[in-house]
Amino acid sequence: MTNVVNMIKPQKDRGYHGQEQALMVVQDSGGVSYVSGRGYFEFIQLSRDGIIKKALMNLSQQLSFSLTEVARILHISERTLQRYGDDEKLSADTSERAILLSQLYQHGTQVFGDLENFKEWMRTPLPAFNYQPPISLLDTTFGFQLIQDELGKIAHGIFA
């Protein structure tokens, strides 16, 4: 089975309770596949609408992130994150960073062919990142971009 990180658009008829599926890791026995047709405007709207805390917690659990790690990446204090109710919407900035995190892990899973392999790579100090684990760079958008760029090189067989 291949793990795939997917963005799934919330169902409007279920209200924002359907957003618990906005960010998630799904199992796919037929190989790596992705939800198609998702564009920047949909991500912009999802960011503006806000991700509910439950969706974020599901994602963080699937990615094996501690509350401290999630809070650092999203630029929110642990205590503030704990105060949110499960069905309460997060701010646009916090939601946007959660979507970026989901997209990064989706891309990494595609490149590595397996979520577990990518998670291990993210926690390994690497020369390409000045001997820091890539996960330590996720507190800035520049870090996200640097990791995405490195994944692009790996996908195209370019190793520095």
N, C-alpha and C. Protein backbone atom coordinates (compact mmCIF):
# COMPACT_ATOMS: atom_id res chain seq x y z
N MET A 1 0.83 -1.19 0.00
CA MET A 1 0.00 0.00 0.00
C MET A 1 0.87 1.25 0.00
N THR A 2 0.46 2.21 -0.76
CA THR A 2 1.19 3.47 -0.82
C THR A 2 0.40 4.53 -0.08
N ASN A 3 1.08 5.27 0.78
CA ASN A 3 0.46 6.38 1.46
C ASN A 3 0.55 7.61 0.58
N VAL A 4 -0.50 8.36 0.50
CA VAL A 4 -0.51 9.56 -0.32
C VAL A 4 -1.13 10.69 0.46
N VAL A 5 -0.50 11.84 0.44
CA VAL A 5 -1.06 13.01 1.09
C VAL A 5 -1.93 13.72 0.07
N ASN A 6 -3.18 13.93 0.38
CA ASN A 6 -4.11 14.55 -0.56
C ASN A 6 -4.81 15.75 0.04
N MET A 7 -5.14 16.67 -0.81
CA MET A 7 -6.01 17.78 -0.45
C MET A 7 -7.40 17.37 -0.91
N ILE A 8 -8.35 17.36 -0.04
CA ILE A 8 -9.71 17.00 -0.42
C ILE A 8 -10.61 18.17 -0.09
N LYS A 9 -11.33 18.64 -1.09
CA LYS A 9 -12.20 19.79 -0.92
C LYS A 9 -13.35 19.43 0.01
N PRO A 10 -13.64 20.30 0.99
CA PRO A 10 -14.74 20.01 1.91
C PRO A 10 -16.07 20.00 1.17
N GLN A 11 -16.97 19.17 1.64
CA GLN A 11 -18.30 19.10 1.05
C GLN A 11 -19.15 20.20 1.66
N LYS A 12 -19.73 21.04 0.79
CA LYS A 12 -20.48 22.19 1.28
C LYS A 12 -21.76 21.80 2.00
N ASP A 13 -22.41 20.73 1.57
CA ASP A 13 -23.67 20.36 2.19
C ASP A 13 -23.51 19.87 3.62
N ARG A 14 -22.33 19.49 4.02
CA ARG A 14 -22.10 19.04 5.39
C ARG A 14 -21.59 20.18 6.26
N GLY A 15 -21.55 21.39 5.72
CA GLY A 15 -21.02 22.50 6.49
C GLY A 15 -19.53 22.34 6.67
N TYR A 16 -18.98 23.04 7.64
CA TYR A 16 -17.54 22.93 7.79
C TYR A 16 -17.12 21.70 8.56
N HIS A 17 -18.07 20.85 8.98
CA HIS A 17 -17.71 19.56 9.57
C HIS A 17 -17.04 18.68 8.52
N GLY A 18 -17.37 18.85 7.25
CA GLY A 18 -16.74 18.10 6.18
C GLY A 18 -15.29 18.50 5.98
N GLN A 19 -14.89 19.62 6.55
CA GLN A 19 -13.51 20.07 6.39
C GLN A 19 -12.53 19.22 7.18
N GLU A 20 -13.02 18.34 8.04
CA GLU A 20 -12.09 17.47 8.75
C GLU A 20 -11.31 16.64 7.75
N GLN A 21 -11.80 16.55 6.51
CA GLN A 21 -11.08 15.84 5.46
C GLN A 21 -10.26 16.78 4.59
N ALA A 22 -10.19 18.05 4.95
CA ALA A 22 -9.48 19.02 4.11
C ALA A 22 -8.00 18.68 3.97
N LEU A 23 -7.41 18.17 5.01
CA LEU A 23 -6.00 17.77 4.98
C LEU A 23 -5.94 16.37 5.56
N MET A 24 -5.47 15.43 4.77
CA MET A 24 -5.40 14.09 5.31
C MET A 24 -4.44 13.23 4.52
N VAL A 25 -4.06 12.14 5.10
CA VAL A 25 -3.27 11.12 4.45
C VAL A 25 -4.21 9.97 4.18
N VAL A 26 -4.24 9.50 2.94
CA VAL A 26 -5.13 8.39 2.59
C VAL A 26 -4.32 7.23 2.07
N GLN A 27 -4.87 6.06 2.20
CA GLN A 27 -4.24 4.84 1.69
C GLN A 27 -4.72 4.61 0.26
N ASP A 28 -3.81 4.21 -0.61
CA ASP A 28 -4.15 3.91 -1.99
C ASP A 28 -3.41 2.64 -2.39
N SER A 29 -4.14 1.55 -2.59
CA SER A 29 -3.50 0.28 -2.92
C SER A 29 -3.12 0.18 -4.39
N GLY A 30 -3.61 1.11 -5.22
CA GLY A 30 -3.34 1.05 -6.64
C GLY A 30 -2.15 1.87 -7.08
N GLY A 31 -1.32 2.32 -6.15
CA GLY A 31 -0.17 3.14 -6.50
C GLY A 31 -0.40 4.58 -6.09
N VAL A 32 0.53 5.43 -6.44
CA VAL A 32 0.45 6.83 -6.05
C VAL A 32 -0.55 7.54 -6.95
N SER A 33 -1.53 8.19 -6.36
CA SER A 33 -2.49 8.97 -7.14
C SER A 33 -2.85 10.21 -6.34
N TYR A 34 -3.30 11.21 -7.02
CA TYR A 34 -3.61 12.48 -6.38
C TYR A 34 -4.96 12.98 -6.83
N VAL A 35 -5.56 13.80 -5.99
CA VAL A 35 -6.81 14.45 -6.35
C VAL A 35 -6.48 15.46 -7.43
N SER A 36 -7.07 15.32 -8.59
CA SER A 36 -6.76 16.23 -9.69
C SER A 36 -7.75 17.39 -9.70
N GLY A 37 -7.40 18.40 -10.45
CA GLY A 37 -8.29 19.54 -10.62
C GLY A 37 -8.21 20.57 -9.51
N ARG A 38 -7.30 20.42 -8.59
CA ARG A 38 -7.13 21.39 -7.52
C ARG A 38 -6.18 22.45 -8.00
N GLY A 39 -6.64 23.68 -7.99
CA GLY A 39 -5.81 24.77 -8.45
C GLY A 39 -5.56 25.78 -7.36
N TYR A 40 -4.76 26.76 -7.69
CA TYR A 40 -4.41 27.78 -6.71
C TYR A 40 -5.63 28.51 -6.16
N PHE A 41 -6.63 28.75 -7.00
CA PHE A 41 -7.79 29.48 -6.52
C PHE A 41 -8.57 28.68 -5.47
N GLU A 42 -8.59 27.37 -5.63
CA GLU A 42 -9.24 26.54 -4.62
C GLU A 42 -8.45 26.55 -3.31
N PHE A 43 -7.11 26.53 -3.41
CA PHE A 43 -6.28 26.61 -2.21
C PHE A 43 -6.41 27.97 -1.54
N ILE A 44 -6.50 29.01 -2.34
CA ILE A 44 -6.69 30.35 -1.79
C ILE A 44 -8.01 30.41 -1.03
N GLN A 45 -9.07 29.89 -1.62
CA GLN A 45 -10.37 29.92 -0.95
C GLN A 45 -10.37 29.07 0.31
N LEU A 46 -9.75 27.91 0.25
CA LEU A 46 -9.66 27.04 1.42
C LEU A 46 -8.89 27.74 2.54
N SER A 47 -7.82 28.44 2.18
CA SER A 47 -7.05 29.21 3.17
C SER A 47 -7.91 30.30 3.78
N ARG A 48 -8.61 31.03 2.94
CA ARG A 48 -9.46 32.13 3.42
C ARG A 48 -10.58 31.63 4.31
N ASP A 49 -11.19 30.51 3.91
CA ASP A 49 -12.30 29.95 4.70
C ASP A 49 -11.82 29.43 6.04
N GLY A 50 -10.61 28.91 6.06
CA GLY A 50 -10.03 28.37 7.29
C GLY A 50 -10.21 26.87 7.39
N ILE A 51 -9.16 26.22 7.80
CA ILE A 51 -9.16 24.79 8.06
C ILE A 51 -9.62 24.60 9.50
N ILE A 52 -10.41 23.57 9.75
CA ILE A 52 -10.80 23.32 11.14
C ILE A 52 -9.66 22.59 11.85
N LYS A 53 -9.60 22.76 13.15
CA LYS A 53 -8.52 22.17 13.95
C LYS A 53 -8.46 20.66 13.78
N LYS A 54 -9.60 20.00 13.71
CA LYS A 54 -9.63 18.54 13.59
C LYS A 54 -8.86 18.08 12.34
N ALA A 55 -9.01 18.81 11.23
CA ALA A 55 -8.29 18.46 10.00
C ALA A 55 -6.79 18.59 10.20
N LEU A 56 -6.37 19.64 10.87
CA LEU A 56 -4.96 19.85 11.15
C LEU A 56 -4.41 18.75 12.05
N MET A 57 -5.17 18.39 13.08
CA MET A 57 -4.71 17.36 14.00
C MET A 57 -4.63 15.99 13.31
N ASN A 58 -5.58 15.71 12.41
CA ASN A 58 -5.50 14.46 11.64
C ASN A 58 -4.25 14.44 10.78
N LEU A 59 -3.95 15.56 10.12
CA LEU A 59 -2.75 15.65 9.30
C LEU A 59 -1.50 15.47 10.15
N SER A 60 -1.42 16.18 11.26
CA SER A 60 -0.22 16.10 12.09
C SER A 60 -0.01 14.69 12.63
N GLN A 61 -1.08 14.00 12.95
CA GLN A 61 -0.97 12.62 13.42
C GLN A 61 -0.43 11.72 12.31
N GLN A 62 -0.95 11.87 11.12
CA GLN A 62 -0.49 11.06 10.00
C GLN A 62 0.98 11.32 9.65
N LEU A 63 1.42 12.57 9.87
CA LEU A 63 2.80 12.94 9.55
C LEU A 63 3.74 12.73 10.73
N SER A 64 3.20 12.25 11.85
CA SER A 64 3.98 11.98 13.07
C SER A 64 4.61 13.25 13.64
N PHE A 65 3.85 14.34 13.65
CA PHE A 65 4.31 15.61 14.20
C PHE A 65 3.77 15.77 15.61
N SER A 66 4.61 16.26 16.49
CA SER A 66 4.16 16.58 17.84
C SER A 66 3.43 17.93 17.80
N LEU A 67 2.71 18.24 18.85
CA LEU A 67 2.02 19.52 18.95
C LEU A 67 3.02 20.67 18.89
N THR A 68 4.18 20.48 19.51
CA THR A 68 5.23 21.50 19.49
C THR A 68 5.71 21.75 18.06
N GLU A 69 5.92 20.70 17.29
CA GLU A 69 6.37 20.85 15.91
C GLU A 69 5.32 21.55 15.06
N VAL A 70 4.07 21.14 15.21
CA VAL A 70 2.99 21.77 14.44
C VAL A 70 2.90 23.25 14.77
N ALA A 71 2.94 23.58 16.04
CA ALA A 71 2.84 24.98 16.47
C ALA A 71 3.98 25.81 15.90
N ARG A 72 5.19 25.26 15.90
CA ARG A 72 6.34 25.99 15.37
C ARG A 72 6.19 26.24 13.88
N ILE A 73 5.76 25.24 13.13
CA ILE A 73 5.60 25.36 11.68
C ILE A 73 4.50 26.36 11.33
N LEU A 74 3.43 26.35 12.12
CA LEU A 74 2.27 27.20 11.81
C LEU A 74 2.36 28.60 12.42
N HIS A 75 3.43 28.85 13.17
CA HIS A 75 3.62 30.16 13.82
C HIS A 75 2.47 30.50 14.77
N ILE A 76 2.15 29.54 15.61
CA ILE A 76 1.07 29.71 16.59
C ILE A 76 1.55 29.04 17.88
N SER A 77 1.19 29.59 19.01
CA SER A 77 1.65 28.97 20.26
C SER A 77 0.88 27.66 20.50
N GLU A 78 1.52 26.76 21.22
CA GLU A 78 0.87 25.50 21.55
C GLU A 78 -0.42 25.76 22.32
N ARG A 79 -0.35 26.69 23.27
CA ARG A 79 -1.51 26.99 24.10
C ARG A 79 -2.68 27.52 23.26
N THR A 80 -2.37 28.40 22.32
CA THR A 80 -3.42 28.93 21.44
C THR A 80 -4.03 27.80 20.61
N LEU A 81 -3.19 26.93 20.10
CA LEU A 81 -3.68 25.80 19.31
C LEU A 81 -4.56 24.89 20.16
N GLN A 82 -4.17 24.67 21.41
CA GLN A 82 -4.96 23.82 22.32
C GLN A 82 -6.32 24.44 22.63
N ARG A 83 -6.41 25.75 22.63
CA ARG A 83 -7.67 26.44 22.94
C ARG A 83 -8.73 26.29 21.85
N TYR A 84 -8.31 26.05 20.62
CA TYR A 84 -9.27 25.88 19.53
C TYR A 84 -10.09 24.62 19.77
N GLY A 85 -11.39 24.71 19.51
CA GLY A 85 -12.25 23.54 19.53
C GLY A 85 -11.99 22.71 18.27
N ASP A 86 -12.31 21.43 18.30
CA ASP A 86 -12.06 20.56 17.16
C ASP A 86 -12.68 21.07 15.87
N ASP A 87 -13.87 21.65 15.94
CA ASP A 87 -14.57 22.12 14.74
C ASP A 87 -14.41 23.62 14.52
N GLU A 88 -13.51 24.24 15.26
CA GLU A 88 -13.28 25.67 15.11
C GLU A 88 -12.29 25.92 13.98
N LYS A 89 -12.57 26.95 13.18
CA LYS A 89 -11.72 27.28 12.05
C LYS A 89 -10.47 28.02 12.50
N LEU A 90 -9.34 27.66 11.89
CA LEU A 90 -8.08 28.34 12.14
C LEU A 90 -7.99 29.58 11.26
N SER A 91 -7.10 30.49 11.60
CA SER A 91 -6.94 31.72 10.83
C SER A 91 -6.48 31.40 9.40
N ALA A 92 -6.62 32.38 8.53
CA ALA A 92 -6.20 32.22 7.14
C ALA A 92 -4.71 31.92 7.04
N ASP A 93 -3.89 32.64 7.82
CA ASP A 93 -2.44 32.40 7.78
C ASP A 93 -2.09 31.00 8.24
N THR A 94 -2.69 30.57 9.33
CA THR A 94 -2.43 29.23 9.86
C THR A 94 -2.92 28.17 8.88
N SER A 95 -4.08 28.38 8.29
CA SER A 95 -4.64 27.44 7.31
C SER A 95 -3.75 27.34 6.08
N GLU A 96 -3.24 28.48 5.64
CA GLU A 96 -2.36 28.48 4.47
C GLU A 96 -1.10 27.65 4.71
N ARG A 97 -0.51 27.81 5.88
CA ARG A 97 0.70 27.05 6.20
C ARG A 97 0.38 25.55 6.31
N ALA A 98 -0.79 25.22 6.83
CA ALA A 98 -1.20 23.81 6.90
C ALA A 98 -1.35 23.22 5.50
N ILE A 99 -1.89 23.99 4.58
CA ILE A 99 -2.04 23.54 3.20
C ILE A 99 -0.66 23.36 2.56
N LEU A 100 0.24 24.31 2.81
CA LEU A 100 1.62 24.18 2.29
C LEU A 100 2.28 22.90 2.81
N LEU A 101 2.06 22.61 4.09
CA LEU A 101 2.62 21.40 4.69
C LEU A 101 2.06 20.15 4.01
N SER A 102 0.76 20.14 3.79
CA SER A 102 0.12 19.02 3.13
C SER A 102 0.66 18.85 1.71
N GLN A 103 0.78 19.95 0.98
CA GLN A 103 1.30 19.88 -0.39
C GLN A 103 2.74 19.37 -0.42
N LEU A 104 3.55 19.82 0.53
CA LEU A 104 4.94 19.37 0.60
C LEU A 104 5.00 17.86 0.80
N TYR A 105 4.22 17.36 1.74
CA TYR A 105 4.24 15.92 2.01
C TYR A 105 3.62 15.13 0.87
N GLN A 106 2.68 15.72 0.15
CA GLN A 106 2.14 15.06 -1.04
C GLN A 106 3.24 14.93 -2.08
N HIS A 107 3.95 16.01 -2.33
CA HIS A 107 5.04 15.98 -3.31
C HIS A 107 6.13 15.00 -2.88
N GLY A 108 6.51 15.05 -1.61
CA GLY A 108 7.54 14.15 -1.10
C GLY A 108 7.15 12.69 -1.22
N THR A 109 5.90 12.40 -0.96
CA THR A 109 5.40 11.03 -1.08
C THR A 109 5.46 10.58 -2.53
N GLN A 110 5.14 11.47 -3.43
CA GLN A 110 5.21 11.14 -4.86
C GLN A 110 6.66 10.86 -5.27
N VAL A 111 7.58 11.69 -4.84
CA VAL A 111 8.99 11.53 -5.20
C VAL A 111 9.58 10.27 -4.59
N PHE A 112 9.30 10.03 -3.31
CA PHE A 112 9.88 8.89 -2.61
C PHE A 112 9.07 7.60 -2.78
N GLY A 113 7.84 7.72 -3.27
CA GLY A 113 7.01 6.55 -3.50
C GLY A 113 6.35 5.99 -2.26
N ASP A 114 6.64 6.60 -1.10
CA ASP A 114 6.10 6.09 0.16
C ASP A 114 6.19 7.20 1.21
N LEU A 115 5.13 7.41 1.96
CA LEU A 115 5.10 8.45 2.98
C LEU A 115 6.14 8.19 4.07
N GLU A 116 6.28 6.95 4.50
CA GLU A 116 7.23 6.63 5.59
C GLU A 116 8.67 6.96 5.18
N ASN A 117 9.03 6.65 3.94
CA ASN A 117 10.38 6.98 3.46
C ASN A 117 10.60 8.49 3.46
N PHE A 118 9.58 9.24 3.03
CA PHE A 118 9.71 10.69 3.00
C PHE A 118 9.80 11.26 4.41
N LYS A 119 9.00 10.74 5.33
CA LYS A 119 9.05 11.21 6.72
C LYS A 119 10.45 10.99 7.30
N GLU A 120 11.06 9.85 7.00
CA GLU A 120 12.41 9.58 7.48
C GLU A 120 13.41 10.57 6.86
N TRP A 121 13.29 10.82 5.57
CA TRP A 121 14.17 11.77 4.88
C TRP A 121 14.05 13.16 5.50
N MET A 122 12.83 13.55 5.83
CA MET A 122 12.59 14.89 6.41
C MET A 122 13.27 15.06 7.77
N ARG A 123 13.54 13.99 8.47
CA ARG A 123 14.14 14.06 9.80
C ARG A 123 15.64 13.71 9.81
N THR A 124 16.21 13.56 8.61
CA THR A 124 17.63 13.22 8.49
C THR A 124 18.46 14.45 8.13
N PRO A 125 19.50 14.76 8.90
CA PRO A 125 20.38 15.88 8.52
C PRO A 125 21.03 15.60 7.16
N LEU A 126 20.93 16.58 6.26
CA LEU A 126 21.40 16.38 4.88
C LEU A 126 22.32 17.51 4.43
N PRO A 127 23.34 17.19 3.62
CA PRO A 127 24.26 18.22 3.13
C PRO A 127 23.54 19.34 2.35
N ALA A 128 22.51 18.99 1.60
CA ALA A 128 21.79 19.99 0.81
C ALA A 128 21.15 21.08 1.68
N PHE A 129 20.96 20.77 2.96
CA PHE A 129 20.33 21.71 3.89
C PHE A 129 21.29 22.11 5.00
N ASN A 130 22.57 22.20 4.63
CA ASN A 130 23.60 22.62 5.58
C ASN A 130 23.64 21.67 6.79
N TYR A 131 23.46 20.38 6.50
CA TYR A 131 23.48 19.30 7.50
C TYR A 131 22.42 19.48 8.59
N GLN A 132 21.30 20.06 8.21
CA GLN A 132 20.14 20.17 9.09
C GLN A 132 19.06 19.24 8.55
N PRO A 133 18.21 18.72 9.40
CA PRO A 133 17.09 17.94 8.88
C PRO A 133 16.11 18.90 8.19
N PRO A 134 15.58 18.53 7.05
CA PRO A 134 14.64 19.41 6.34
C PRO A 134 13.48 19.89 7.21
N ILE A 135 13.00 19.04 8.12
CA ILE A 135 11.88 19.42 8.97
C ILE A 135 12.18 20.69 9.78
N SER A 136 13.45 20.93 10.07
CA SER A 136 13.82 22.11 10.86
C SER A 136 13.69 23.41 10.07
N LEU A 137 13.50 23.31 8.76
CA LEU A 137 13.39 24.49 7.90
C LEU A 137 11.95 24.92 7.65
N LEU A 138 10.99 24.16 8.16
CA LEU A 138 9.59 24.41 7.85
C LEU A 138 8.98 25.60 8.58
N ASP A 139 9.78 26.33 9.35
CA ASP A 139 9.23 27.50 10.04
C ASP A 139 9.28 28.75 9.15
N THR A 140 9.82 28.61 7.93
CA THR A 140 9.83 29.74 6.99
C THR A 140 9.33 29.29 5.63
N THR A 141 8.78 30.20 4.87
CA THR A 141 8.36 29.86 3.50
C THR A 141 9.57 29.57 2.63
N PHE A 142 10.71 30.20 2.94
CA PHE A 142 11.94 29.91 2.20
C PHE A 142 12.35 28.46 2.42
N GLY A 143 12.16 27.95 3.63
CA GLY A 143 12.46 26.55 3.92
C GLY A 143 11.57 25.61 3.13
N PHE A 144 10.28 25.93 3.08
CA PHE A 144 9.36 25.13 2.27
C PHE A 144 9.83 25.08 0.83
N GLN A 145 10.20 26.25 0.29
CA GLN A 145 10.61 26.34 -1.11
C GLN A 145 11.91 25.58 -1.35
N LEU A 146 12.86 25.69 -0.43
CA LEU A 146 14.13 24.98 -0.55
C LEU A 146 13.91 23.47 -0.60
N ILE A 147 13.03 22.97 0.25
CA ILE A 147 12.72 21.54 0.27
C ILE A 147 12.01 21.14 -1.02
N GLN A 148 11.05 21.95 -1.47
CA GLN A 148 10.36 21.66 -2.74
C GLN A 148 11.35 21.62 -3.90
N ASP A 149 12.29 22.56 -3.91
CA ASP A 149 13.31 22.60 -4.98
C ASP A 149 14.16 21.33 -4.95
N GLU A 150 14.56 20.91 -3.76
CA GLU A 150 15.38 19.70 -3.63
C GLU A 150 14.59 18.47 -4.08
N LEU A 151 13.31 18.42 -3.75
CA LEU A 151 12.47 17.31 -4.22
C LEU A 151 12.40 17.29 -5.74
N GLY A 152 12.32 18.48 -6.34
CA GLY A 152 12.32 18.56 -7.81
C GLY A 152 13.61 18.01 -8.39
N LYS A 153 14.73 18.31 -7.77
CA LYS A 153 16.02 17.78 -8.25
C LYS A 153 16.05 16.26 -8.13
N ILE A 154 15.60 15.75 -7.00
CA ILE A 154 15.58 14.30 -6.79
C ILE A 154 14.68 13.63 -7.83
N ALA A 155 13.52 14.22 -8.06
CA ALA A 155 12.57 13.65 -9.02
C ALA A 155 13.15 13.59 -10.43
N HIS A 156 14.04 14.52 -10.74
CA HIS A 156 14.65 14.56 -12.07
C HIS A 156 16.04 13.94 -12.10
N GLY A 157 16.43 13.27 -11.01
CA GLY A 157 17.70 12.56 -10.97
C GLY A 157 18.91 13.44 -10.82
N ILE A 158 18.72 14.66 -10.32
CA ILE A 158 19.83 15.59 -10.12
C ILE A 158 20.21 15.58 -8.64
N PHE A 159 21.36 15.02 -8.34
CA PHE A 159 21.82 14.97 -6.96
C PHE A 159 23.04 15.86 -6.83
N ALA A 160 22.99 16.80 -5.88
CA ALA A 160 24.10 17.74 -5.71
C ALA A 160 25.18 17.15 -4.84
